[in-house]
Amino acid sequence: MADDGVIIDQWVQEVKDTAVLTVFPTPRLVRSRWGPIFTTAITTFNTLSGLHKLGVTLKEADQPPDSEGFKDGGANIQFDFSGGDTSFKFRGTIHPPDPDKPFSAVLIHGLTRTLTGGGRMLKCFIFVPMFPLANDQREVGDKVKEFIAVHELIHAAGCLKNRDHSTESDPDVFCGDPRSTPQFLPGNTADQDKLSLKPGTQTPRGFIPGVNAPPIKLSVRTAAEIRKRWK
């Protein structure tokens, strides 16, 4: 999920010229269960980028977004978990949560907040849920968490909004409202949890299986949307 609003489809030129986006995981995220998932999600994105020739790769940063500059001295993207508060500070200014977009610590979702200037992307702040729950007794499995993380990294890397989400007819890791609604499929164990991106259908010729994740895949359409922003 991303902030919708003014159409911003490119990062600032000095970032585009590097073909790399730096991503800072907050210290508390690194210490949490999200820490290894973050690392895996970066690797997964870069694998997809190589496969689809997206023109951008992600690199883990050890400094948070710079409070004074656009690129130098700070990460392009910050990655954190949230118990409901999605505020962040930049250039000495607190950016409070959007009251129209409440964030839950337990739902299977994420949020990418953006800072823009001159019609270009300056910084992104990604939030994932602190404890995304499968039910009242346990969290979702790591593969579902990885799906959330990669989804939000695509929002940030591709300057993509919710209106750019993939449709159910062409499902991939970028499926989401309002164009499609992935459904959680609890497994017998957390490792077996999945998301249904496209339900199976019965036709006169037989049953057509649905599309589930994992595996995490990128559609030709989504890849093209990212690629054209990094030319």
Protein backbone atom coordinates (compact mmCIF):
# COMPACT_ATOMS: atom_id res chain seq x y z
CA MET A 1 0.00 0.00 0.00
CA ALA A 2 1.31 3.44 -0.85
CA ASP A 3 0.32 7.05 -0.40
CA ASP A 4 -1.85 8.03 -3.36
CA GLY A 5 -1.92 11.56 -4.65
CA VAL A 6 0.21 13.51 -7.13
CA ILE A 7 1.67 11.22 -9.77
CA ILE A 8 5.41 10.88 -9.16
CA ASP A 9 6.98 8.38 -11.52
CA GLN A 10 10.72 8.89 -11.10
CA TRP A 11 13.35 9.33 -8.42
CA VAL A 12 15.45 12.50 -8.42
CA GLN A 13 18.02 12.40 -11.21
CA GLU A 14 21.08 12.07 -8.95
CA VAL A 15 19.57 8.87 -7.58
CA LYS A 16 18.50 7.58 -10.99
CA ASP A 17 22.03 8.04 -12.28
CA THR A 18 23.33 5.50 -9.74
CA ALA A 19 20.76 2.79 -10.67
CA VAL A 20 20.87 1.86 -6.96
CA LEU A 21 18.49 2.58 -4.10
CA THR A 22 19.87 2.35 -0.58
CA VAL A 23 17.56 0.93 2.10
CA PHE A 24 18.09 1.53 5.83
CA PRO A 25 16.52 -1.02 8.21
CA THR A 26 15.95 0.60 11.59
CA PRO A 27 17.92 -0.91 14.49
CA ARG A 28 14.77 -2.19 16.18
CA LEU A 29 13.68 -3.90 12.97
CA VAL A 30 17.08 -5.59 12.62
CA ARG A 31 16.72 -6.95 16.17
CA SER A 32 13.18 -8.18 15.55
CA ARG A 33 11.79 -11.19 13.67
CA TRP A 34 11.64 -8.92 10.64
CA GLY A 35 15.45 -8.60 10.54
CA PRO A 36 16.26 -11.74 8.51
CA ILE A 37 13.10 -11.26 6.41
CA PHE A 38 14.31 -7.80 5.40
CA THR A 39 17.62 -9.26 4.24
CA THR A 40 15.86 -11.97 2.26
CA ALA A 41 13.45 -9.45 0.69
CA ILE A 42 16.36 -7.33 -0.57
CA THR A 43 17.90 -10.42 -2.16
CA THR A 44 14.56 -11.45 -3.67
CA PHE A 45 14.00 -8.00 -5.18
CA ASN A 46 17.49 -7.97 -6.68
CA THR A 47 16.96 -11.44 -8.12
CA LEU A 48 13.72 -10.28 -9.73
CA SER A 49 15.46 -7.14 -10.97
CA GLY A 50 18.16 -9.17 -12.66
CA LEU A 51 15.65 -11.56 -14.18
CA HIS A 52 13.45 -8.78 -15.55
CA LYS A 53 16.22 -6.23 -16.22
CA LEU A 54 14.50 -3.57 -14.10
CA GLY A 55 17.46 -1.21 -14.18
CA VAL A 56 17.67 -0.74 -10.40
CA THR A 57 19.04 -2.76 -7.52
CA LEU A 58 18.70 -2.35 -3.76
CA LYS A 59 21.56 -2.06 -1.30
CA GLU A 60 21.31 -2.15 2.49
CA ALA A 61 22.44 1.12 4.10
CA ASP A 62 23.86 1.74 7.55
CA GLN A 63 22.66 5.35 7.80
CA PRO A 64 19.06 6.60 7.97
CA PRO A 65 17.72 9.08 5.42
CA ASP A 66 19.80 12.25 5.53
CA SER A 67 18.15 15.09 7.43
CA GLU A 68 19.78 17.71 5.21
CA GLY A 69 20.28 16.33 1.71
CA PHE A 70 18.50 14.43 -1.02
CA LYS A 71 20.98 11.57 -1.40
CA ASP A 72 24.44 12.13 0.09
CA GLY A 73 24.95 10.83 3.60
CA GLY A 74 21.69 8.99 4.01
CA ALA A 75 19.57 6.16 2.66
CA ASN A 76 16.95 6.65 -0.01
CA ILE A 77 14.49 4.37 1.78
CA GLN A 78 13.87 3.59 5.44
CA PHE A 79 12.33 0.25 6.41
CA ASP A 80 10.65 -0.18 9.81
CA PHE A 81 7.87 -2.05 11.55
CA SER A 82 4.92 -0.30 13.16
CA GLY A 83 2.48 -0.97 15.94
CA GLY A 84 0.17 1.64 14.42
CA ASP A 85 2.25 4.83 14.32
CA THR A 86 3.56 5.61 10.83
CA SER A 87 5.03 9.03 11.57
CA PHE A 88 8.58 9.88 10.58
CA LYS A 89 11.01 12.78 10.89
CA PHE A 90 12.85 14.42 8.01
CA ARG A 91 14.74 17.71 7.89
CA GLY A 92 13.62 18.44 11.42
CA THR A 93 9.94 18.09 10.58
CA ILE A 94 7.64 15.42 12.00
CA HIS A 95 5.35 13.93 9.36
CA PRO A 96 2.37 12.54 11.30
CA PRO A 97 0.28 9.57 10.22
CA ASP A 98 -2.49 10.17 7.72
CA PRO A 99 -5.71 10.01 9.80
CA ASP A 100 -7.53 8.66 6.75
CA LYS A 101 -5.13 5.72 6.48
CA PRO A 102 -4.94 3.96 9.86
CA PHE A 103 -2.29 1.27 10.12
CA SER A 104 -2.76 -1.99 12.01
CA ALA A 105 0.02 -3.88 13.79
CA VAL A 106 -1.64 -7.22 13.07
CA LEU A 107 -3.10 -7.07 9.56
CA ILE A 108 -1.36 -8.57 6.54
CA HIS A 109 -0.43 -5.32 4.83
CA GLY A 110 2.28 -2.67 4.56
CA LEU A 111 2.57 1.04 3.88
CA THR A 112 5.02 3.13 1.86
CA ARG A 113 5.03 6.85 2.62
CA THR A 114 6.80 9.20 0.24
CA LEU A 115 8.49 12.58 0.17
CA THR A 116 8.60 14.36 -3.16
CA GLY A 117 9.97 17.57 -4.59
CA GLY A 118 10.04 19.13 -8.04
CA GLY A 119 7.92 16.30 -9.39
CA ARG A 120 10.46 13.64 -8.32
CA MET A 121 10.80 11.15 -5.49
CA LEU A 122 13.12 12.24 -2.67
CA LYS A 123 12.69 9.61 0.05
CA CYS A 124 10.46 6.66 0.98
CA PHE A 125 9.53 5.37 4.42
CA ILE A 126 8.26 1.78 4.48
CA PHE A 127 6.26 0.34 7.37
CA VAL A 128 5.37 -3.32 7.90
CA PRO A 129 3.07 -4.63 10.65
CA MET A 130 4.70 -5.51 13.96
CA PHE A 131 2.84 -8.81 14.37
CA PRO A 132 0.84 -9.79 11.25
CA LEU A 133 -1.49 -12.48 12.51
CA ALA A 134 -2.76 -15.63 10.85
CA ASN A 135 -5.23 -16.09 13.70
CA ASP A 136 -5.50 -15.35 17.40
CA GLN A 137 -2.77 -17.85 18.21
CA ARG A 138 0.14 -17.18 15.85
CA GLU A 139 1.79 -14.88 13.35
CA VAL A 140 1.87 -15.51 9.64
CA GLY A 141 4.81 -17.42 8.24
CA ASP A 142 8.03 -15.82 7.04
CA LYS A 143 7.21 -16.29 3.35
CA VAL A 144 4.04 -14.22 3.73
CA LYS A 145 6.05 -11.56 5.56
CA GLU A 146 8.58 -11.61 2.73
CA PHE A 147 5.71 -11.05 0.27
CA ILE A 148 4.67 -7.94 2.24
CA ALA A 149 8.25 -6.64 2.29
CA VAL A 150 8.91 -7.18 -1.42
CA HIS A 151 5.54 -5.63 -2.29
CA GLU A 152 6.44 -2.44 -0.43
CA LEU A 153 9.95 -2.35 -1.90
CA ILE A 154 8.33 -2.41 -5.36
CA HIS A 155 6.16 0.57 -4.39
CA ALA A 156 9.31 2.46 -3.39
CA ALA A 157 11.62 1.38 -6.20
CA GLY A 158 9.05 1.86 -8.95
CA CYS A 159 7.35 5.00 -7.60
CA LEU A 160 4.15 2.99 -7.92
CA LYS A 161 0.84 3.83 -6.28
CA ASN A 162 -2.07 1.64 -5.20
CA ARG A 163 -3.80 2.39 -8.48
CA ASP A 164 -0.83 0.66 -10.17
CA HIS A 165 -1.43 -2.64 -8.34
CA SER A 166 -1.67 -5.77 -10.45
CA THR A 167 -5.05 -7.17 -11.33
CA GLU A 168 -6.30 -10.63 -10.44
CA SER A 169 -6.13 -11.54 -14.14
CA ASP A 170 -2.36 -10.95 -14.14
CA PRO A 171 -1.34 -11.80 -10.58
CA ASP A 172 2.07 -11.28 -9.02
CA VAL A 173 3.66 -9.97 -5.81
CA PHE A 174 2.26 -6.52 -6.61
CA CYS A 175 -1.40 -7.58 -6.34
CA GLY A 176 -3.48 -5.41 -4.03
CA ASP A 177 -6.48 -3.15 -3.50
CA PRO A 178 -8.24 -1.55 -5.28
CA ARG A 179 -7.42 -3.70 -8.33
CA SER A 180 -7.28 -7.08 -6.60
CA THR A 181 -7.59 -8.50 -3.11
CA PRO A 182 -5.19 -11.30 -2.16
CA GLN A 183 -6.64 -13.72 0.35
CA PHE A 184 -4.69 -15.32 3.20
CA LEU A 185 -4.61 -19.13 3.15
CA PRO A 186 -3.48 -20.44 6.54
CA GLY A 187 -1.38 -23.58 6.46
CA ASN A 188 -1.18 -26.31 9.05
CA THR A 189 2.05 -24.60 10.09
CA ALA A 190 3.36 -21.07 9.55
CA ASP A 191 5.80 -22.38 6.93
CA GLN A 192 2.82 -23.57 4.88
CA ASP A 193 0.96 -20.24 4.89
CA LYS A 194 0.15 -18.80 1.47
CA LEU A 195 -1.67 -15.94 -0.21
CA SER A 196 -4.25 -16.59 -2.91
CA LEU A 197 -3.66 -14.09 -5.72
CA LYS A 198 -6.19 -15.62 -8.10
CA PRO A 199 -8.80 -18.20 -7.12
CA GLY A 200 -9.25 -21.40 -9.07
CA THR A 201 -12.20 -21.57 -11.47
CA GLN A 202 -14.38 -24.36 -12.77
CA THR A 203 -14.91 -24.29 -16.54
CA PRO A 204 -16.78 -26.62 -18.91
CA ARG A 205 -13.39 -28.09 -19.78
CA GLY A 206 -12.36 -28.66 -16.21
CA PHE A 207 -10.89 -26.92 -13.20
CA ILE A 208 -8.25 -24.20 -13.69
CA PRO A 209 -6.00 -23.98 -10.63
CA GLY A 210 -5.58 -20.64 -8.94
CA VAL A 211 -2.36 -18.69 -8.39
CA ASN A 212 -0.82 -18.62 -4.92
CA ALA A 213 2.26 -17.06 -3.38
CA PRO A 214 4.86 -18.14 -2.54
CA PRO A 215 6.59 -18.34 -4.92
CA ILE A 216 7.14 -14.62 -5.26
CA LYS A 217 6.94 -13.59 -8.90
CA LEU A 218 6.84 -10.40 -10.94
CA SER A 219 4.54 -10.09 -13.93
CA VAL A 220 5.64 -8.73 -17.29
CA ARG A 221 3.35 -5.74 -16.75
CA THR A 222 4.73 -4.76 -13.34
CA ALA A 223 8.30 -5.25 -14.54
CA ALA A 224 7.63 -2.93 -17.47
CA GLU A 225 6.17 -0.27 -15.15
CA ILE A 226 9.34 -0.29 -13.04
CA ARG A 227 11.72 -0.55 -15.97
CA LYS A 228 10.39 2.51 -17.78
CA ARG A 229 10.98 4.61 -14.64
CA TRP A 230 14.68 3.73 -14.63
CA LYS A 231 15.52 4.33 -18.29
